[in-house]
N, C-alpha and C. Protein backbone atom coordinates (compact mmCIF):
# COMPACT_ATOMS: atom_id res chain seq x y z
N UNK A 1 -16.33 9.27 33.41
CA UNK A 1 -14.90 9.36 33.20
C UNK A 1 -14.21 9.33 34.57
N UNK A 2 -13.33 8.38 34.76
CA UNK A 2 -12.59 8.26 36.01
C UNK A 2 -11.18 8.81 35.83
N UNK A 3 -10.69 9.59 36.78
CA UNK A 3 -9.33 10.11 36.66
C UNK A 3 -8.31 8.97 36.71
N UNK A 4 -7.17 9.15 36.07
CA UNK A 4 -6.13 8.13 36.11
C UNK A 4 -5.64 7.90 37.55
N UNK A 5 -5.19 6.68 37.82
CA UNK A 5 -4.71 6.36 39.16
C UNK A 5 -3.20 6.39 39.26
N UNK A 6 -2.53 5.85 38.22
CA UNK A 6 -1.07 5.73 38.30
C UNK A 6 -0.36 6.49 37.19
N UNK A 7 -0.85 6.30 35.95
CA UNK A 7 -0.13 6.89 34.82
C UNK A 7 -1.07 7.19 33.67
N UNK A 8 -0.79 8.30 33.01
CA UNK A 8 -1.60 8.81 31.90
C UNK A 8 -0.70 8.91 30.68
N UNK A 9 -1.18 8.38 29.55
CA UNK A 9 -0.42 8.39 28.31
C UNK A 9 -1.21 9.13 27.24
N UNK A 10 -0.57 10.08 26.58
CA UNK A 10 -1.15 10.79 25.44
C UNK A 10 -0.56 10.20 24.17
N UNK A 11 -1.42 9.85 23.22
CA UNK A 11 -0.97 9.26 21.97
C UNK A 11 -1.48 10.04 20.77
N UNK A 12 -0.61 10.20 19.79
CA UNK A 12 -0.99 10.66 18.46
C UNK A 12 0.02 10.04 17.50
N UNK A 13 0.04 10.45 16.28
CA UNK A 13 0.90 9.80 15.31
C UNK A 13 2.36 10.25 15.46
N UNK A 14 2.63 11.55 15.37
CA UNK A 14 4.00 12.03 15.33
C UNK A 14 4.60 12.36 16.69
N UNK A 15 3.77 12.46 17.74
CA UNK A 15 4.25 12.87 19.05
C UNK A 15 5.08 14.15 18.94
N UNK A 16 4.54 15.09 18.12
CA UNK A 16 5.27 16.35 17.91
C UNK A 16 4.52 17.57 18.40
N UNK A 17 3.20 17.48 18.54
CA UNK A 17 2.42 18.66 18.94
C UNK A 17 1.32 18.30 19.94
N UNK A 18 0.26 17.64 19.48
CA UNK A 18 -0.90 17.38 20.35
C UNK A 18 -0.53 16.62 21.61
N UNK A 19 0.12 15.47 21.45
CA UNK A 19 0.45 14.66 22.62
C UNK A 19 1.53 15.32 23.47
N UNK A 20 2.43 16.08 22.83
CA UNK A 20 3.45 16.81 23.60
C UNK A 20 2.79 17.90 24.45
N UNK A 21 1.82 18.62 23.87
CA UNK A 21 1.12 19.65 24.64
C UNK A 21 0.31 18.99 25.75
N UNK A 22 -0.30 17.84 25.47
CA UNK A 22 -1.03 17.11 26.50
C UNK A 22 -0.13 16.72 27.66
N UNK A 23 1.06 16.22 27.32
CA UNK A 23 2.02 15.83 28.36
C UNK A 23 2.39 17.03 29.22
N UNK A 24 2.73 18.14 28.59
CA UNK A 24 3.11 19.34 29.35
C UNK A 24 1.98 19.88 30.20
N UNK A 25 0.79 19.93 29.64
CA UNK A 25 -0.37 20.41 30.39
C UNK A 25 -0.67 19.50 31.57
N UNK A 26 -0.64 18.20 31.34
CA UNK A 26 -0.95 17.26 32.42
C UNK A 26 0.08 17.36 33.54
N UNK A 27 1.34 17.53 33.18
CA UNK A 27 2.37 17.67 34.22
C UNK A 27 2.09 18.90 35.09
N UNK A 28 1.51 19.94 34.50
CA UNK A 28 1.24 21.16 35.27
C UNK A 28 -0.05 21.06 36.07
N UNK A 29 -0.96 20.16 35.68
CA UNK A 29 -2.28 20.09 36.32
C UNK A 29 -2.49 18.86 37.20
N UNK A 30 -1.73 17.80 36.96
CA UNK A 30 -1.98 16.52 37.62
C UNK A 30 -1.58 16.54 39.09
N UNK A 31 -2.25 15.71 39.87
CA UNK A 31 -1.84 15.58 41.28
C UNK A 31 -0.48 14.89 41.36
N UNK A 32 0.20 15.14 42.45
CA UNK A 32 1.51 14.53 42.68
C UNK A 32 1.36 13.01 42.66
N UNK A 33 2.33 12.35 42.05
CA UNK A 33 2.31 10.89 42.01
C UNK A 33 1.74 10.30 40.73
N UNK A 34 1.09 11.10 39.91
CA UNK A 34 0.56 10.61 38.64
C UNK A 34 1.65 10.76 37.59
N UNK A 35 2.07 9.66 37.00
CA UNK A 35 3.09 9.69 35.96
C UNK A 35 2.44 10.09 34.64
N UNK A 36 3.13 10.89 33.85
CA UNK A 36 2.61 11.40 32.59
C UNK A 36 3.57 11.01 31.47
N UNK A 37 3.01 10.48 30.37
CA UNK A 37 3.81 10.09 29.22
C UNK A 37 3.12 10.55 27.94
N UNK A 38 3.90 10.61 26.86
CA UNK A 38 3.34 10.80 25.53
C UNK A 38 4.17 9.98 24.56
N UNK A 39 3.53 9.60 23.45
CA UNK A 39 4.23 8.81 22.44
C UNK A 39 3.46 8.90 21.13
N UNK A 40 4.10 8.40 20.08
CA UNK A 40 3.47 8.38 18.76
C UNK A 40 3.86 7.13 17.99
N UNK A 41 3.05 6.77 17.01
CA UNK A 41 3.35 5.59 16.21
C UNK A 41 4.45 5.87 15.19
N UNK A 42 4.62 7.14 14.81
CA UNK A 42 5.69 7.56 13.90
C UNK A 42 6.29 8.84 14.45
N UNK A 43 7.09 8.75 15.53
CA UNK A 43 7.57 9.96 16.20
C UNK A 43 8.43 10.86 15.31
N UNK A 44 8.23 12.16 15.51
CA UNK A 44 8.99 13.19 14.80
C UNK A 44 9.46 14.19 15.86
N UNK A 45 10.16 15.22 15.48
CA UNK A 45 10.65 16.22 16.43
C UNK A 45 9.50 17.04 17.01
N UNK A 46 9.66 17.50 18.25
CA UNK A 46 8.67 18.38 18.87
C UNK A 46 8.60 19.66 18.05
N UNK A 47 7.39 20.06 17.69
CA UNK A 47 7.20 21.22 16.83
C UNK A 47 7.47 22.52 17.60
N UNK A 48 8.22 23.44 17.02
CA UNK A 48 8.54 24.70 17.72
C UNK A 48 7.30 25.53 18.08
N UNK A 49 6.23 25.45 17.30
CA UNK A 49 5.02 26.19 17.65
C UNK A 49 4.36 25.60 18.90
N UNK A 50 4.48 24.28 19.09
CA UNK A 50 3.94 23.67 20.31
C UNK A 50 4.71 24.21 21.52
N UNK A 51 6.01 24.28 21.41
CA UNK A 51 6.83 24.84 22.49
C UNK A 51 6.42 26.29 22.75
N UNK A 52 6.23 27.03 21.70
CA UNK A 52 5.91 28.47 21.81
C UNK A 52 4.57 28.72 22.48
N UNK A 53 3.51 27.99 22.06
CA UNK A 53 2.19 28.26 22.64
C UNK A 53 2.09 27.73 24.08
N UNK A 54 2.87 26.72 24.41
CA UNK A 54 2.88 26.25 25.80
C UNK A 54 3.60 27.26 26.68
N UNK A 55 4.66 27.86 26.15
CA UNK A 55 5.39 28.87 26.90
C UNK A 55 4.46 30.04 27.25
N UNK A 56 3.48 30.32 26.39
CA UNK A 56 2.51 31.39 26.68
C UNK A 56 1.75 31.14 27.97
N UNK A 57 1.62 29.87 28.37
CA UNK A 57 0.95 29.51 29.62
C UNK A 57 1.94 29.31 30.76
N UNK A 58 3.21 29.58 30.49
CA UNK A 58 4.23 29.39 31.52
C UNK A 58 4.67 27.95 31.66
N UNK A 59 4.42 27.13 30.65
CA UNK A 59 4.80 25.71 30.68
C UNK A 59 5.90 25.49 29.65
N UNK A 60 7.03 24.99 30.12
CA UNK A 60 8.18 24.78 29.25
C UNK A 60 8.25 23.31 28.82
N UNK A 61 8.00 23.04 27.54
CA UNK A 61 8.12 21.67 27.02
C UNK A 61 9.34 21.54 26.12
N UNK A 62 10.23 22.51 26.15
CA UNK A 62 11.37 22.51 25.24
C UNK A 62 12.32 21.34 25.48
N UNK A 63 12.31 20.74 26.67
CA UNK A 63 13.19 19.60 26.92
C UNK A 63 12.50 18.26 26.65
N UNK A 64 11.21 18.30 26.32
CA UNK A 64 10.51 17.07 25.96
C UNK A 64 10.98 16.62 24.59
N UNK A 65 10.84 15.34 24.31
CA UNK A 65 11.26 14.80 23.02
C UNK A 65 10.24 13.77 22.55
N UNK A 66 10.17 13.58 21.25
CA UNK A 66 9.24 12.62 20.67
C UNK A 66 9.69 11.20 20.97
N UNK A 67 8.71 10.36 21.32
CA UNK A 67 8.98 8.99 21.69
C UNK A 67 8.10 8.04 20.89
N UNK A 68 8.63 6.88 20.61
CA UNK A 68 7.85 5.83 19.98
C UNK A 68 7.13 5.00 21.03
N UNK A 69 6.23 4.15 20.57
CA UNK A 69 5.45 3.32 21.49
C UNK A 69 6.34 2.39 22.31
N UNK A 70 7.47 1.97 21.77
CA UNK A 70 8.37 1.09 22.49
C UNK A 70 9.07 1.73 23.67
N UNK A 71 8.95 3.05 23.80
CA UNK A 71 9.62 3.77 24.90
C UNK A 71 8.68 4.07 26.07
N UNK A 72 7.49 3.47 26.05
CA UNK A 72 6.49 3.74 27.08
C UNK A 72 6.35 2.52 27.98
N UNK A 73 6.36 2.70 29.31
CA UNK A 73 6.18 1.57 30.23
C UNK A 73 4.69 1.19 30.34
N UNK A 74 4.21 0.40 29.39
CA UNK A 74 2.78 0.11 29.31
C UNK A 74 2.23 -0.59 30.54
N UNK A 75 3.06 -1.29 31.30
CA UNK A 75 2.57 -1.96 32.51
C UNK A 75 2.17 -0.95 33.59
N UNK A 76 2.61 0.29 33.48
CA UNK A 76 2.25 1.34 34.46
C UNK A 76 1.00 2.13 34.03
N UNK A 77 0.69 2.14 32.75
CA UNK A 77 -0.37 3.01 32.20
C UNK A 77 -1.75 2.47 32.56
N UNK A 78 -2.61 3.34 33.11
CA UNK A 78 -3.99 2.92 33.32
C UNK A 78 -4.99 3.76 32.53
N UNK A 79 -4.54 4.88 31.95
CA UNK A 79 -5.41 5.71 31.12
C UNK A 79 -4.64 6.18 29.89
N UNK A 80 -5.25 5.99 28.72
CA UNK A 80 -4.66 6.42 27.45
C UNK A 80 -5.61 7.42 26.80
N UNK A 81 -5.06 8.57 26.42
CA UNK A 81 -5.83 9.58 25.70
C UNK A 81 -5.30 9.64 24.27
N UNK A 82 -6.14 9.30 23.30
CA UNK A 82 -5.76 9.43 21.90
C UNK A 82 -6.26 10.78 21.41
N UNK A 83 -5.42 11.46 20.64
CA UNK A 83 -5.72 12.83 20.21
C UNK A 83 -5.87 12.96 18.69
N UNK A 84 -5.83 11.86 17.99
CA UNK A 84 -5.94 11.88 16.52
C UNK A 84 -7.35 12.28 16.10
N UNK A 85 -7.44 12.93 14.96
CA UNK A 85 -8.75 13.30 14.42
C UNK A 85 -8.93 12.64 13.06
N UNK A 86 -8.22 13.15 12.06
CA UNK A 86 -8.39 12.67 10.71
C UNK A 86 -7.50 11.48 10.35
N UNK A 87 -6.49 11.20 11.16
CA UNK A 87 -5.59 10.10 10.89
C UNK A 87 -5.88 8.94 11.83
N UNK A 88 -5.28 7.79 11.59
CA UNK A 88 -5.50 6.61 12.41
C UNK A 88 -4.57 6.65 13.62
N UNK A 89 -5.16 6.59 14.80
CA UNK A 89 -4.38 6.62 16.03
C UNK A 89 -3.77 5.25 16.30
N UNK A 90 -2.67 5.23 17.03
CA UNK A 90 -2.08 3.95 17.44
C UNK A 90 -3.07 3.19 18.33
N UNK A 91 -3.05 1.89 18.23
CA UNK A 91 -3.93 1.03 19.04
C UNK A 91 -3.06 0.25 20.01
N UNK A 92 -3.51 0.18 21.25
CA UNK A 92 -2.76 -0.53 22.27
C UNK A 92 -3.51 -1.79 22.69
N UNK A 93 -2.81 -2.88 22.89
CA UNK A 93 -3.47 -4.13 23.25
C UNK A 93 -3.81 -4.25 24.74
N UNK A 94 -3.35 -3.33 25.55
CA UNK A 94 -3.53 -3.48 26.99
C UNK A 94 -4.93 -3.08 27.45
N UNK A 95 -5.25 -3.53 28.65
CA UNK A 95 -6.55 -3.27 29.26
C UNK A 95 -6.46 -1.98 30.08
N UNK A 96 -6.78 -0.86 29.44
CA UNK A 96 -6.68 0.44 30.08
C UNK A 96 -7.94 1.25 29.79
N UNK A 97 -8.14 2.30 30.57
CA UNK A 97 -9.21 3.24 30.26
C UNK A 97 -8.77 4.01 29.02
N UNK A 98 -9.63 4.05 28.01
CA UNK A 98 -9.30 4.73 26.76
C UNK A 98 -10.22 5.94 26.58
N UNK A 99 -9.60 7.08 26.36
CA UNK A 99 -10.34 8.31 26.10
C UNK A 99 -9.91 8.81 24.73
N UNK A 100 -10.86 9.25 23.94
CA UNK A 100 -10.53 9.79 22.62
C UNK A 100 -10.96 11.25 22.57
N UNK A 101 -9.97 12.13 22.46
CA UNK A 101 -10.20 13.57 22.37
C UNK A 101 -9.70 14.01 21.00
N UNK A 102 -10.50 13.85 19.96
CA UNK A 102 -10.01 14.18 18.61
C UNK A 102 -9.68 15.66 18.44
N UNK A 103 -8.46 15.91 17.98
CA UNK A 103 -7.99 17.28 17.71
C UNK A 103 -7.33 17.26 16.34
N UNK A 104 -7.69 18.20 15.51
CA UNK A 104 -7.02 18.31 14.21
C UNK A 104 -5.54 18.58 14.43
N UNK A 105 -4.72 17.97 13.60
CA UNK A 105 -3.28 18.13 13.74
C UNK A 105 -2.88 19.55 13.35
N UNK A 106 -2.42 20.35 14.32
CA UNK A 106 -2.08 21.74 13.99
C UNK A 106 -0.83 21.85 13.11
N UNK A 107 -0.02 20.80 13.05
CA UNK A 107 1.18 20.86 12.22
C UNK A 107 0.82 20.76 10.74
N UNK A 108 -0.39 20.32 10.43
CA UNK A 108 -0.81 20.15 9.04
C UNK A 108 -1.36 21.45 8.44
N UNK A 109 -1.52 22.48 9.25
CA UNK A 109 -2.08 23.73 8.77
C UNK A 109 -1.11 24.53 7.92
N UNK A 110 -1.67 25.50 7.24
CA UNK A 110 -0.84 26.40 6.44
C UNK A 110 -1.29 27.83 6.71
N UNK A 111 -0.59 28.76 6.11
CA UNK A 111 -0.92 30.17 6.30
C UNK A 111 0.19 30.89 7.02
N UNK A 112 -0.12 32.09 7.46
CA UNK A 112 0.86 32.92 8.15
C UNK A 112 1.20 32.30 9.51
N UNK A 113 2.27 32.80 10.11
CA UNK A 113 2.64 32.34 11.45
C UNK A 113 1.47 32.51 12.41
N UNK A 114 0.80 33.66 12.33
CA UNK A 114 -0.29 33.94 13.27
C UNK A 114 -1.45 32.96 13.07
N UNK A 115 -1.77 32.61 11.84
CA UNK A 115 -2.84 31.64 11.55
C UNK A 115 -2.45 30.27 12.10
N UNK A 116 -1.21 29.87 11.87
CA UNK A 116 -0.74 28.57 12.35
C UNK A 116 -0.67 28.53 13.87
N UNK A 117 -0.19 29.61 14.49
CA UNK A 117 -0.14 29.66 15.95
C UNK A 117 -1.55 29.59 16.55
N UNK A 118 -2.51 30.22 15.90
CA UNK A 118 -3.90 30.16 16.38
C UNK A 118 -4.41 28.72 16.38
N UNK A 119 -4.02 27.95 15.38
CA UNK A 119 -4.40 26.54 15.32
C UNK A 119 -3.80 25.75 16.49
N UNK A 120 -2.53 26.00 16.79
CA UNK A 120 -1.88 25.35 17.93
C UNK A 120 -2.56 25.76 19.23
N UNK A 121 -2.91 27.04 19.36
CA UNK A 121 -3.58 27.51 20.58
C UNK A 121 -4.94 26.84 20.77
N UNK A 122 -5.70 26.68 19.68
CA UNK A 122 -7.01 26.02 19.78
C UNK A 122 -6.86 24.60 20.30
N UNK A 123 -5.89 23.88 19.76
CA UNK A 123 -5.66 22.50 20.21
C UNK A 123 -5.21 22.48 21.66
N UNK A 124 -4.26 23.34 22.01
CA UNK A 124 -3.78 23.43 23.39
C UNK A 124 -4.94 23.69 24.36
N UNK A 125 -5.78 24.65 24.03
CA UNK A 125 -6.88 25.03 24.91
C UNK A 125 -7.93 23.92 25.02
N UNK A 126 -8.17 23.20 23.93
CA UNK A 126 -9.13 22.09 23.96
C UNK A 126 -8.62 20.97 24.86
N UNK A 127 -7.34 20.65 24.74
CA UNK A 127 -6.75 19.60 25.58
C UNK A 127 -6.77 20.03 27.04
N UNK A 128 -6.43 21.28 27.29
CA UNK A 128 -6.41 21.79 28.66
C UNK A 128 -7.79 21.70 29.30
N UNK A 129 -8.84 22.07 28.57
CA UNK A 129 -10.20 22.01 29.10
C UNK A 129 -10.59 20.57 29.45
N UNK A 130 -10.24 19.63 28.58
CA UNK A 130 -10.56 18.21 28.83
C UNK A 130 -9.77 17.68 30.03
N UNK A 131 -8.52 18.12 30.16
CA UNK A 131 -7.70 17.67 31.28
C UNK A 131 -8.25 18.20 32.61
N UNK A 132 -8.69 19.43 32.63
CA UNK A 132 -9.27 20.00 33.85
C UNK A 132 -10.48 19.18 34.25
N UNK A 133 -11.30 18.81 33.28
CA UNK A 133 -12.47 17.98 33.53
C UNK A 133 -12.07 16.59 34.06
N UNK A 134 -11.06 16.00 33.43
CA UNK A 134 -10.62 14.65 33.82
C UNK A 134 -9.99 14.62 35.22
N UNK A 135 -9.12 15.58 35.48
CA UNK A 135 -8.35 15.57 36.72
C UNK A 135 -9.05 16.24 37.89
N UNK A 136 -10.16 16.90 37.58
CA UNK A 136 -10.94 17.54 38.64
C UNK A 136 -10.41 18.76 39.12
């Protein structure tokens, strides 16, 4: 696995939780000069639980917003991380390094707030561990 050189893109379907957390985590961990993006094939609003569990790490993603694939500068991207697990991830035609880190969609869970927040934390922590490995 080679670290990204210019730009890193996180992709999932809704761009509401997994890829948003990936974007926020990468911005906090990446070296200066690495551009970070996230997008989804069917963008929805950023999930409040994603904002909440990121705030627990001191990372504020409340100003981030869901973006469609058409809002990403693909000519800059050299590494794409897909985060889909049970659903079909967006496919990109460009020649980039592709990493697949399957994470169950925490927005699909049910139960109490604490059960749902635990699901978001698991995804956040899994993405963070992979990013630390990728970025060194």
